Amino acid sequence: MKTTAVKKRRAESREGWIVTTVALEPEMHRRLSFAAIEERAALTELVREAVGMWLVQRQHERTKRARKK
C-alpha cells in the first residue's frame, strides 16, 4: 500500500521574526500537542493563529467600547 505524506502546516520562514518562549501548564501543552497532530500543523503555528485571533477580537472589543463613550 502506498502512503502519501501530507505536509504539516508551518511558516515558510522565520526570517525577520521575533522568537519568544512561552510556558504552558502540562495539561494545556498535552491538549495543544494533540490538536497539532489532528490539525496537521506545527504547535507554534497553532499558537500564532490563536494569538492572532485574540488580538483581532481584542481590537474589536476596544473599538466597540470606544464607540460607547
PDB file of N, CA and C in Angstrom:
ATOM      1  N   MET A   1       0.846  -1.177   0.000  1.00  0.00           N
ATOM      2  CA  MET A   1       0.000   0.000   0.000  1.00  0.00           C
ATOM      3  C   MET A   1       0.890   1.238   0.000  1.00  0.00           C
ATOM      4  N   LYS A   2       0.598   2.162  -0.894  1.00  0.00           N
ATOM      5  CA  LYS A   2       1.366   3.389  -0.986  1.00  0.00           C
ATOM      6  C   LYS A   2       0.721   4.460  -0.107  1.00  0.00           C
ATOM      7  N   THR A   3       1.529   5.116   0.718  1.00  0.00           N
ATOM      8  CA  THR A   3       1.008   6.204   1.542  1.00  0.00           C
ATOM      9  C   THR A   3       1.556   7.517   1.018  1.00  0.00           C
ATOM     10  N   THR A   4       0.731   8.526   1.088  1.00  0.00           N
ATOM     11  CA  THR A   4       1.175   9.852   0.663  1.00  0.00           C
ATOM     12  C   THR A   4       1.345  10.715   1.894  1.00  0.00           C
ATOM     13  N   ALA A   5       2.456  11.387   1.964  1.00  0.00           N
ATOM     14  CA  ALA A   5       2.722  12.251   3.106  1.00  0.00           C
ATOM     15  C   ALA A   5       1.974  13.564   2.919  1.00  0.00           C
ATOM     16  N   VAL A   6       1.282  13.961   3.962  1.00  0.00           N
ATOM     17  CA  VAL A   6       0.600  15.243   3.956  1.00  0.00           C
ATOM     18  C   VAL A   6       1.489  16.220   4.698  1.00  0.00           C
ATOM     19  N   LYS A   7       1.792  17.324   4.044  1.00  0.00           N
ATOM     20  CA  LYS A   7       2.701  18.298   4.618  1.00  0.00           C
ATOM     21  C   LYS A   7       2.071  18.981   5.827  1.00  0.00           C
ATOM     22  N   LYS A   8       2.875  19.130   6.857  1.00  0.00           N
ATOM     23  CA  LYS A   8       2.432  19.816   8.065  1.00  0.00           C
ATOM     24  C   LYS A   8       2.375  21.316   7.806  1.00  0.00           C
ATOM     25  N   ARG A   9       1.324  21.964   8.332  1.00  0.00           N
ATOM     26  CA  ARG A   9       1.164  23.410   8.174  1.00  0.00           C
ATOM     27  C   ARG A   9       2.164  24.117   9.093  1.00  0.00           C
ATOM     28  N   ARG A  10       3.017  24.929   8.507  1.00  0.00           N
ATOM     29  CA  ARG A  10       4.008  25.684   9.267  1.00  0.00           C
ATOM     30  C   ARG A  10       4.418  26.912   8.479  1.00  0.00           C
ATOM     31  N   ALA A  11       5.134  27.816   9.136  1.00  0.00           N
ATOM     32  CA  ALA A  11       5.576  29.059   8.485  1.00  0.00           C
ATOM     33  C   ALA A  11       6.595  28.729   7.398  1.00  0.00           C
ATOM     34  N   GLU A  12       6.553  29.482   6.324  1.00  0.00           N
ATOM     35  CA  GLU A  12       7.530  29.311   5.243  1.00  0.00           C
ATOM     36  C   GLU A  12       8.938  29.618   5.745  1.00  0.00           C
ATOM     37  N   SER A  13       9.055  30.694   6.513  1.00  0.00           N
ATOM     38  CA  SER A  13      10.347  31.124   7.024  1.00  0.00           C
ATOM     39  C   SER A  13      10.112  31.952   8.283  1.00  0.00           C
ATOM     40  N   ARG A  14      11.104  31.992   9.154  1.00  0.00           N
ATOM     41  CA  ARG A  14      11.013  32.853  10.330  1.00  0.00           C
ATOM     42  C   ARG A  14      11.978  34.021  10.203  1.00  0.00           C
ATOM     43  N   GLU A  15      12.504  34.223   9.026  1.00  0.00           N
ATOM     44  CA  GLU A  15      13.448  35.312   8.812  1.00  0.00           C
ATOM     45  C   GLU A  15      12.794  36.643   9.151  1.00  0.00           C
ATOM     46  N   GLY A  16      13.437  37.410  10.000  1.00  0.00           N
ATOM     47  CA  GLY A  16      12.920  38.702  10.418  1.00  0.00           C
ATOM     48  C   GLY A  16      11.893  38.624  11.538  1.00  0.00           C
ATOM     49  N   TRP A  17      11.581  37.421  12.000  1.00  0.00           N
ATOM     50  CA  TRP A  17      10.596  37.243  13.067  1.00  0.00           C
ATOM     51  C   TRP A  17      11.278  37.346  14.423  1.00  0.00           C
ATOM     52  N   ILE A  18      10.516  37.632  15.440  1.00  0.00           N
ATOM     53  CA  ILE A  18      10.999  37.613  16.813  1.00  0.00           C
ATOM     54  C   ILE A  18      10.580  36.286  17.421  1.00  0.00           C
ATOM     55  N   VAL A  19      11.527  35.576  17.981  1.00  0.00           N
ATOM     56  CA  VAL A  19      11.254  34.277  18.598  1.00  0.00           C
ATOM     57  C   VAL A  19      11.139  34.490  20.100  1.00  0.00           C
ATOM     58  N   THR A  20      10.107  33.929  20.687  1.00  0.00           N
ATOM     59  CA  THR A  20       9.875  34.071  22.116  1.00  0.00           C
ATOM     60  C   THR A  20       9.624  32.700  22.736  1.00  0.00           C
ATOM     61  N   THR A  21       9.597  32.666  24.048  1.00  0.00           N
ATOM     62  CA  THR A  21       9.340  31.425  24.778  1.00  0.00           C
ATOM     63  C   THR A  21       8.056  31.595  25.568  1.00  0.00           C
ATOM     64  N   VAL A  22       7.258  30.562  25.606  1.00  0.00           N
ATOM     65  CA  VAL A  22       6.026  30.598  26.391  1.00  0.00           C
ATOM     66  C   VAL A  22       5.985  29.347  27.266  1.00  0.00           C
ATOM     67  N   ALA A  23       5.565  29.523  28.509  1.00  0.00           N
ATOM     68  CA  ALA A  23       5.430  28.397  29.436  1.00  0.00           C
ATOM     69  C   ALA A  23       3.964  27.994  29.510  1.00  0.00           C
ATOM     70  N   LEU A  24       3.691  26.711  29.315  1.00  0.00           N
ATOM     71  CA  LEU A  24       2.327  26.195  29.363  1.00  0.00           C
ATOM     72  C   LEU A  24       2.209  25.165  30.471  1.00  0.00           C
ATOM     73  N   GLU A  25       1.037  25.119  31.072  1.00  0.00           N
ATOM     74  CA  GLU A  25       0.763  24.056  32.046  1.00  0.00           C
ATOM     75  C   GLU A  25       0.785  22.725  31.298  1.00  0.00           C
ATOM     76  N   PRO A  26       1.193  21.650  31.966  1.00  0.00           N
ATOM     77  CA  PRO A  26       1.296  20.350  31.276  1.00  0.00           C
ATOM     78  C   PRO A  26       0.017  19.922  30.555  1.00  0.00           C
ATOM     79  N   GLU A  27      -1.136  20.114  31.184  1.00  0.00           N
ATOM     80  CA  GLU A  27      -2.389  19.689  30.550  1.00  0.00           C
ATOM     81  C   GLU A  27      -2.685  20.520  29.303  1.00  0.00           C
ATOM     82  N   MET A  28      -2.413  21.818  29.348  1.00  0.00           N
ATOM     83  CA  MET A  28      -2.629  22.668  28.174  1.00  0.00           C
ATOM     84  C   MET A  28      -1.682  22.249  27.055  1.00  0.00           C
ATOM     85  N   HIS A  29      -0.443  21.947  27.390  1.00  0.00           N
ATOM     86  CA  HIS A  29       0.533  21.515  26.387  1.00  0.00           C
ATOM     87  C   HIS A  29       0.110  20.187  25.761  1.00  0.00           C
ATOM     88  N   ARG A  30      -0.380  19.269  26.572  1.00  0.00           N
ATOM     89  CA  ARG A  30      -0.835  17.972  26.073  1.00  0.00           C
ATOM     90  C   ARG A  30      -1.986  18.165  25.092  1.00  0.00           C
ATOM     91  N   ARG A  31      -2.966  18.991  25.469  1.00  0.00           N
ATOM     92  CA  ARG A  31      -4.113  19.230  24.598  1.00  0.00           C
ATOM     93  C   ARG A  31      -3.696  19.933  23.309  1.00  0.00           C
ATOM     94  N   LEU A  32      -2.781  20.882  23.418  1.00  0.00           N
ATOM     95  CA  LEU A  32      -2.296  21.595  22.241  1.00  0.00           C
ATOM     96  C   LEU A  32      -1.520  20.646  21.327  1.00  0.00           C
ATOM     97  N   SER A  33      -0.743  19.757  21.905  1.00  0.00           N
ATOM     98  CA  SER A  33       0.013  18.774  21.116  1.00  0.00           C
ATOM     99  C   SER A  33      -0.917  17.867  20.330  1.00  0.00           C
ATOM    100  N   PHE A  34      -1.994  17.393  20.979  1.00  0.00           N
ATOM    101  CA  PHE A  34      -2.964  16.560  20.278  1.00  0.00           C
ATOM    102  C   PHE A  34      -3.663  17.349  19.170  1.00  0.00           C
ATOM    103  N   ALA A  35      -3.995  18.616  19.450  1.00  0.00           N
ATOM    104  CA  ALA A  35      -4.637  19.454  18.442  1.00  0.00           C
ATOM    105  C   ALA A  35      -3.712  19.640  17.244  1.00  0.00           C
ATOM    106  N   ALA A  36      -2.415  19.817  17.504  1.00  0.00           N
ATOM    107  CA  ALA A  36      -1.452  19.997  16.416  1.00  0.00           C
ATOM    108  C   ALA A  36      -1.409  18.758  15.521  1.00  0.00           C
ATOM    109  N   ILE A  37      -1.460  17.600  16.138  1.00  0.00           N
ATOM    110  CA  ILE A  37      -1.476  16.350  15.367  1.00  0.00           C
ATOM    111  C   ILE A  37      -2.752  16.271  14.534  1.00  0.00           C
ATOM    112  N   GLU A  38      -3.893  16.539  15.167  1.00  0.00           N
ATOM    113  CA  GLU A  38      -5.171  16.458  14.469  1.00  0.00           C
ATOM    114  C   GLU A  38      -5.263  17.477  13.327  1.00  0.00           C
ATOM    115  N   GLU A  39      -4.706  18.659  13.541  1.00  0.00           N
ATOM    116  CA  GLU A  39      -4.764  19.723  12.537  1.00  0.00           C
ATOM    117  C   GLU A  39      -3.636  19.630  11.518  1.00  0.00           C
ATOM    118  N   ARG A  40      -2.725  18.694  11.735  1.00  0.00           N
ATOM    119  CA  ARG A  40      -1.541  18.544  10.882  1.00  0.00           C
ATOM    120  C   ARG A  40      -0.821  19.884  10.762  1.00  0.00           C
ATOM    121  N   ALA A  41      -0.573  20.479  11.920  1.00  0.00           N
ATOM    122  CA  ALA A  41       0.071  21.788  11.972  1.00  0.00           C
ATOM    123  C   ALA A  41       1.147  21.768  13.049  1.00  0.00           C
ATOM    124  N   ALA A  42       2.143  22.610  12.859  1.00  0.00           N
ATOM    125  CA  ALA A  42       3.152  22.767  13.899  1.00  0.00           C
ATOM    126  C   ALA A  42       2.490  23.417  15.110  1.00  0.00           C
ATOM    127  N   LEU A  43       2.893  22.997  16.279  1.00  0.00           N
ATOM    128  CA  LEU A  43       2.356  23.544  17.516  1.00  0.00           C
ATOM    129  C   LEU A  43       2.502  25.064  17.530  1.00  0.00           C
ATOM    130  N   THR A  44       3.654  25.556  17.106  1.00  0.00           N
ATOM    131  CA  THR A  44       3.879  27.004  17.090  1.00  0.00           C
ATOM    132  C   THR A  44       2.929  27.712  16.127  1.00  0.00           C
ATOM    133  N   GLU A  45       2.546  27.049  15.051  1.00  0.00           N
ATOM    134  CA  GLU A  45       1.599  27.651  14.104  1.00  0.00           C
ATOM    135  C   GLU A  45       0.239  27.827  14.774  1.00  0.00           C
ATOM    136  N   LEU A  46      -0.181  26.845  15.561  1.00  0.00           N
ATOM    137  CA  LEU A  46      -1.457  26.963  16.275  1.00  0.00           C
ATOM    138  C   LEU A  46      -1.410  28.093  17.292  1.00  0.00           C
ATOM    139  N   VAL A  47      -0.277  28.250  17.962  1.00  0.00           N
ATOM    140  CA  VAL A  47      -0.129  29.349  18.924  1.00  0.00           C
ATOM    141  C   VAL A  47      -0.199  30.690  18.196  1.00  0.00           C
ATOM    142  N   ARG A  48       0.501  30.812  17.065  1.00  0.00           N
ATOM    143  CA  ARG A  48       0.452  32.063  16.290  1.00  0.00           C
ATOM    144  C   ARG A  48      -0.978  32.377  15.851  1.00  0.00           C
ATOM    145  N   GLU A  49      -1.704  31.369  15.375  1.00  0.00           N
ATOM    146  CA  GLU A  49      -3.085  31.583  14.939  1.00  0.00           C
ATOM    147  C   GLU A  49      -3.962  32.019  16.109  1.00  0.00           C
ATOM    148  N   ALA A  50      -3.809  31.374  17.257  1.00  0.00           N
ATOM    149  CA  ALA A  50      -4.619  31.714  18.434  1.00  0.00           C
ATOM    150  C   ALA A  50      -4.325  33.133  18.910  1.00  0.00           C
ATOM    151  N   VAL A  51      -3.062  33.508  18.948  1.00  0.00           N
ATOM    152  CA  VAL A  51      -2.695  34.868  19.367  1.00  0.00           C
ATOM    153  C   VAL A  51      -3.240  35.880  18.361  1.00  0.00           C
ATOM    154  N   GLY A  52      -3.128  35.586  17.093  1.00  0.00           N
ATOM    155  CA  GLY A  52      -3.658  36.483  16.072  1.00  0.00           C
ATOM    156  C   GLY A  52      -5.155  36.684  16.210  1.00  0.00           C
ATOM    157  N   MET A  53      -5.897  35.598  16.439  1.00  0.00           N
ATOM    158  CA  MET A  53      -7.350  35.706  16.617  1.00  0.00           C
ATOM    159  C   MET A  53      -7.678  36.501  17.875  1.00  0.00           C
ATOM    160  N   TRP A  54      -6.920  36.296  18.954  1.00  0.00           N
ATOM    161  CA  TRP A  54      -7.149  37.028  20.195  1.00  0.00           C
ATOM    162  C   TRP A  54      -6.924  38.516  19.981  1.00  0.00           C
ATOM    163  N   LEU A  55      -5.872  38.873  19.250  1.00  0.00           N
ATOM    164  CA  LEU A  55      -5.582  40.285  19.000  1.00  0.00           C
ATOM    165  C   LEU A  55      -6.680  40.947  18.173  1.00  0.00           C
ATOM    166  N   VAL A  56      -7.215  40.245  17.180  1.00  0.00           N
ATOM    167  CA  VAL A  56      -8.323  40.768  16.380  1.00  0.00           C
ATOM    168  C   VAL A  56      -9.543  40.974  17.269  1.00  0.00           C
ATOM    169  N   GLN A  57      -9.871  39.985  18.093  1.00  0.00           N
ATOM    170  CA  GLN A  57     -11.018  40.080  18.997  1.00  0.00           C
ATOM    171  C   GLN A  57     -10.826  41.227  19.988  1.00  0.00           C
ATOM    172  N   ARG A  58      -9.635  41.357  20.527  1.00  0.00           N
ATOM    173  CA  ARG A  58      -9.329  42.429  21.482  1.00  0.00           C
ATOM    174  C   ARG A  58      -9.528  43.796  20.834  1.00  0.00           C
ATOM    175  N   GLN A  59      -9.024  43.958  19.612  1.00  0.00           N
ATOM    176  CA  GLN A  59      -9.176  45.234  18.921  1.00  0.00           C
ATOM    177  C   GLN A  59     -10.640  45.541  18.669  1.00  0.00           C
ATOM    178  N   HIS A  60     -11.396  44.516  18.289  1.00  0.00           N
ATOM    179  CA  HIS A  60     -12.824  44.692  18.038  1.00  0.00           C
ATOM    180  C   HIS A  60     -13.521  45.156  19.316  1.00  0.00           C
ATOM    181  N   GLU A  61     -13.213  44.524  20.446  1.00  0.00           N
ATOM    182  CA  GLU A  61     -13.830  44.888  21.727  1.00  0.00           C
ATOM    183  C   GLU A  61     -13.424  46.295  22.153  1.00  0.00           C
ATOM    184  N   ARG A  62     -12.172  46.658  21.938  1.00  0.00           N
ATOM    185  CA  ARG A  62     -11.709  48.006  22.300  1.00  0.00           C
ATOM    186  C   ARG A  62     -12.405  49.062  21.442  1.00  0.00           C
ATOM    187  N   THR A  63     -12.583  48.759  20.153  1.00  0.00           N
ATOM    188  CA  THR A  63     -13.260  49.686  19.255  1.00  0.00           C
ATOM    189  C   THR A  63     -14.715  49.855  19.679  1.00  0.00           C
ATOM    190  N   LYS A  64     -15.352  48.752  20.050  1.00  0.00           N
ATOM    191  CA  LYS A  64     -16.747  48.783  20.483  1.00  0.00           C
ATOM    192  C   LYS A  64     -16.893  49.621  21.759  1.00  0.00           C
ATOM    193  N   ARG A  65     -15.972  49.461  22.704  1.00  0.00           N
ATOM    194  CA  ARG A  65     -16.006  50.230  23.949  1.00  0.00           C
ATOM    195  C   ARG A  65     -15.788  51.717  23.672  1.00  0.00           C
ATOM    196  N   ALA A  66     -14.891  52.034  22.759  1.00  0.00           N
ATOM    197  CA  ALA A  66     -14.595  53.428  22.441  1.00  0.00           C
ATOM    198  C   ALA A  66     -15.811  54.119  21.836  1.00  0.00           C
ATOM    199  N   ARG A  67     -16.620  53.395  21.064  1.00  0.00           N
ATOM    200  CA  ARG A  67     -17.814  53.980  20.443  1.00  0.00           C
ATOM    201  C   ARG A  67     -18.883  54.312  21.491  1.00  0.00           C
ATOM    202  N   LYS A  68     -18.911  53.542  22.570  1.00  0.00           N
ATOM    203  CA  LYS A  68     -19.923  53.749  23.612  1.00  0.00           C
ATOM    204  C   LYS A  68     -19.652  54.998  24.432  1.00  0.00           C
ATOM    205  N   LYS A  69     -18.438  55.500  24.438  1.00  0.00           N
ATOM    206  CA  LYS A  69     -18.085  56.680  25.259  1.00  0.00           C
ATOM    207  C   LYS A  69     -18.646  57.945  24.715  1.00  0.00           C
TER     208      LYS A  69
END
